[in-house]
Amino acid sequence: MSQAEHHIETAQLRRSPRYGRLMVAGGVLGLVVAFVLTLAFDGTQVKSENTGVLYSMPQVLGFVALICVPIGVALGGAVALILDRVVGRRTRDVRIDRETVVDRPDAS
C-alpha cells in the first residue's frame, strides 16, 4: 500500500541571470571586435617595427583575439554580476505543495 503525505511550504523565488551565456556572449563580442580591429590595418601583411617580421592577417587576428576575447568574457561576467545585484533584489514568496509517497509492503 502506498501512503501519501502532503506538506504546504513557503519558499522565496528569485530570478538570476545565466552567467555562462553572458560570458560566452562577451567572448563572441570580443572576437567580433578583434575582427574589426584586424580589418582596420592597411595591407595584407603587417610588419613589426621592432623585429622586422611580417605578420599575415590571420596571425594578427589571432594576436588581437588573444587580448579581446578574455576582456569580452570578463565584461560579460561583470554584466552578469550587475544584473544579479539589480534583479536579485526582487524576490517573492510562493507556496509549494510537497507530496511524499511512501510505499509500504503489505504485512499479510
C-alpha atoms as a PDB file:
ATOM      1  CA  MET A   1       0.000   0.000   0.000  1.00  0.00           C
ATOM      2  CA  SER A   2       1.177   3.479  -0.788  1.00  0.00           C
ATOM      3  CA  GLN A   3       0.616   6.329   1.578  1.00  0.00           C
ATOM      4  CA  ALA A   4       0.944   9.980   0.550  1.00  0.00           C
ATOM      5  CA  GLU A   5       1.757  12.885   2.855  1.00  0.00           C
ATOM      6  CA  HIS A   6       1.075  16.491   1.814  1.00  0.00           C
ATOM      7  CA  HIS A   7       3.036  19.456   3.143  1.00  0.00           C
ATOM      8  CA  ILE A   8       2.405  23.058   2.173  1.00  0.00           C
ATOM      9  CA  GLU A   9       5.606  25.108   2.423  1.00  0.00           C
ATOM     10  CA  THR A  10       6.603  28.653   1.585  1.00  0.00           C
ATOM     11  CA  ALA A  11       9.755  29.420  -0.402  1.00  0.00           C
ATOM     12  CA  GLN A  12      11.319  32.532  -1.876  1.00  0.00           C
ATOM     13  CA  LEU A  13      11.581  32.701  -5.653  1.00  0.00           C
ATOM     14  CA  ARG A  14      14.430  34.782  -7.069  1.00  0.00           C
ATOM     15  CA  ARG A  15      15.455  35.252 -10.701  1.00  0.00           C
ATOM     16  CA  SER A  16      19.112  35.293 -11.645  1.00  0.00           C
ATOM     17  CA  PRO A  17      20.957  35.801 -14.940  1.00  0.00           C
ATOM     18  CA  ARG A  18      22.698  32.969 -16.798  1.00  0.00           C
ATOM     19  CA  TYR A  19      26.363  33.653 -16.126  1.00  0.00           C
ATOM     20  CA  GLY A  20      27.690  31.242 -18.749  1.00  0.00           C
ATOM     21  CA  ARG A  21      25.575  32.631 -21.546  1.00  0.00           C
ATOM     22  CA  LEU A  22      26.528  36.222 -20.782  1.00  0.00           C
ATOM     23  CA  MET A  23      30.228  35.321 -20.610  1.00  0.00           C
ATOM     24  CA  VAL A  24      30.040  33.454 -23.937  1.00  0.00           C
ATOM     25  CA  ALA A  25      28.237  36.438 -25.469  1.00  0.00           C
ATOM     26  CA  GLY A  26      31.033  38.694 -24.177  1.00  0.00           C
ATOM     27  CA  GLY A  27      33.634  36.377 -25.728  1.00  0.00           C
ATOM     28  CA  VAL A  28      31.846  36.421 -29.084  1.00  0.00           C
ATOM     29  CA  LEU A  29      31.626  40.205 -28.900  1.00  0.00           C
ATOM     30  CA  GLY A  30      35.374  40.308 -28.157  1.00  0.00           C
ATOM     31  CA  LEU A  31      36.017  38.136 -31.223  1.00  0.00           C
ATOM     32  CA  VAL A  32      33.951  40.500 -33.381  1.00  0.00           C
ATOM     33  CA  VAL A  33      35.907  43.474 -32.017  1.00  0.00           C
ATOM     34  CA  ALA A  34      39.167  41.638 -32.782  1.00  0.00           C
ATOM     35  CA  PHE A  35      37.998  41.008 -36.345  1.00  0.00           C
ATOM     36  CA  VAL A  36      37.064  44.674 -36.830  1.00  0.00           C
ATOM     37  CA  LEU A  37      40.399  45.830 -35.393  1.00  0.00           C
ATOM     38  CA  THR A  38      42.252  43.433 -37.676  1.00  0.00           C
ATOM     39  CA  LEU A  39      40.467  44.785 -40.738  1.00  0.00           C
ATOM     40  CA  ALA A  40      41.360  48.311 -39.651  1.00  0.00           C
ATOM     41  CA  PHE A  41      45.028  47.644 -40.517  1.00  0.00           C
ATOM     42  CA  ASP A  42      46.054  48.539 -44.076  1.00  0.00           C
ATOM     43  CA  GLY A  43      47.521  45.973 -46.463  1.00  0.00           C
ATOM     44  CA  THR A  44      47.556  42.210 -46.406  1.00  0.00           C
ATOM     45  CA  GLN A  45      50.558  41.919 -44.094  1.00  0.00           C
ATOM     46  CA  VAL A  46      51.674  43.847 -41.037  1.00  0.00           C
ATOM     47  CA  LYS A  47      55.373  44.438 -40.429  1.00  0.00           C
ATOM     48  CA  SER A  48      56.657  44.738 -36.872  1.00  0.00           C
ATOM     49  CA  GLU A  49      58.720  47.882 -36.409  1.00  0.00           C
ATOM     50  CA  ASN A  50      60.866  46.326 -33.664  1.00  0.00           C
ATOM     51  CA  THR A  51      61.714  42.944 -35.196  1.00  0.00           C
ATOM     52  CA  GLY A  52      61.044  43.467 -38.882  1.00  0.00           C
ATOM     53  CA  VAL A  53      58.882  40.306 -39.040  1.00  0.00           C
ATOM     54  CA  LEU A  54      55.926  40.254 -41.434  1.00  0.00           C
ATOM     55  CA  TYR A  55      52.665  39.004 -39.894  1.00  0.00           C
ATOM     56  CA  SER A  56      49.764  37.832 -42.058  1.00  0.00           C
ATOM     57  CA  MET A  57      46.204  38.932 -41.363  1.00  0.00           C
ATOM     58  CA  PRO A  58      45.172  35.620 -39.707  1.00  0.00           C
ATOM     59  CA  GLN A  59      48.167  35.918 -37.371  1.00  0.00           C
ATOM     60  CA  VAL A  60      47.203  39.484 -36.481  1.00  0.00           C
ATOM     61  CA  LEU A  61      43.627  38.326 -35.890  1.00  0.00           C
ATOM     62  CA  GLY A  62      44.907  35.629 -33.561  1.00  0.00           C
ATOM     63  CA  PHE A  63      47.083  38.045 -31.594  1.00  0.00           C
ATOM     64  CA  VAL A  64      44.334  40.627 -31.249  1.00  0.00           C
ATOM     65  CA  ALA A  65      41.781  37.931 -30.347  1.00  0.00           C
ATOM     66  CA  LEU A  66      44.085  36.744 -27.528  1.00  0.00           C
ATOM     67  CA  ILE A  67      43.555  40.152 -25.956  1.00  0.00           C
ATOM     68  CA  CYS A  68      39.958  40.988 -26.931  1.00  0.00           C
ATOM     69  CA  VAL A  69      38.237  37.670 -26.143  1.00  0.00           C
ATOM     70  CA  PRO A  70      39.316  37.469 -22.443  1.00  0.00           C
ATOM     71  CA  ILE A  71      38.370  41.126 -21.999  1.00  0.00           C
ATOM     72  CA  GLY A  72      34.950  40.378 -23.524  1.00  0.00           C
ATOM     73  CA  VAL A  73      34.472  37.352 -21.246  1.00  0.00           C
ATOM     74  CA  ALA A  74      35.375  39.463 -18.208  1.00  0.00           C
ATOM     75  CA  LEU A  75      32.969  42.210 -19.273  1.00  0.00           C
ATOM     76  CA  GLY A  76      30.202  39.630 -19.794  1.00  0.00           C
ATOM     77  CA  GLY A  77      30.820  38.322 -16.273  1.00  0.00           C
ATOM     78  CA  ALA A  78      30.719  41.849 -14.883  1.00  0.00           C
ATOM     79  CA  VAL A  79      27.394  42.495 -16.645  1.00  0.00           C
ATOM     80  CA  ALA A  80      26.043  39.243 -15.168  1.00  0.00           C
ATOM     81  CA  LEU A  81      27.103  40.304 -11.670  1.00  0.00           C
ATOM     82  CA  ILE A  82      25.488  43.724 -12.070  1.00  0.00           C
ATOM     83  CA  LEU A  83      22.273  42.158 -13.371  1.00  0.00           C
ATOM     84  CA  ASP A  84      22.303  39.697 -10.475  1.00  0.00           C
ATOM     85  CA  ARG A  85      22.513  42.554  -7.987  1.00  0.00           C
ATOM     86  CA  VAL A  86      19.749  44.563  -9.661  1.00  0.00           C
ATOM     87  CA  VAL A  87      17.329  41.725 -10.475  1.00  0.00           C
ATOM     88  CA  GLY A  88      18.209  39.642  -7.411  1.00  0.00           C
ATOM     89  CA  ARG A  89      16.717  42.177  -5.036  1.00  0.00           C
ATOM     90  CA  ARG A  90      13.215  41.358  -6.189  1.00  0.00           C
ATOM     91  CA  THR A  91      12.056  38.170  -4.517  1.00  0.00           C
ATOM     92  CA  ARG A  92       8.577  36.853  -3.990  1.00  0.00           C
ATOM     93  CA  ASP A  93       7.114  34.194  -1.765  1.00  0.00           C
ATOM     94  CA  VAL A  94       5.480  31.179  -3.376  1.00  0.00           C
ATOM     95  CA  ARG A  95       3.549  28.295  -1.880  1.00  0.00           C
ATOM     96  CA  ILE A  96       4.832  24.803  -2.610  1.00  0.00           C
ATOM     97  CA  ASP A  97       2.676  21.702  -2.295  1.00  0.00           C
ATOM     98  CA  ARG A  98       5.105  18.918  -1.451  1.00  0.00           C
ATOM     99  CA  GLU A  99       3.888  15.352  -1.648  1.00  0.00           C
ATOM    100  CA  THR A 100       5.843  12.414  -0.238  1.00  0.00           C
ATOM    101  CA  VAL A 101       4.772   8.940  -1.282  1.00  0.00           C
ATOM    102  CA  VAL A 102       5.869   6.085   0.953  1.00  0.00           C
ATOM    103  CA  ASP A 103       5.487   2.558  -0.377  1.00  0.00           C
ATOM    104  CA  ARG A 104       4.766   0.175   2.497  1.00  0.00           C
ATOM    105  CA  PRO A 105       4.631  -3.545   1.780  1.00  0.00           C
ATOM    106  CA  ASP A 106       1.556  -5.472   2.894  1.00  0.00           C
ATOM    107  CA  ALA A 107       2.007  -7.130   6.255  1.00  0.00           C
ATOM    108  CA  SER A 108      -0.237 -10.069   5.370  1.00  0.00           C
END
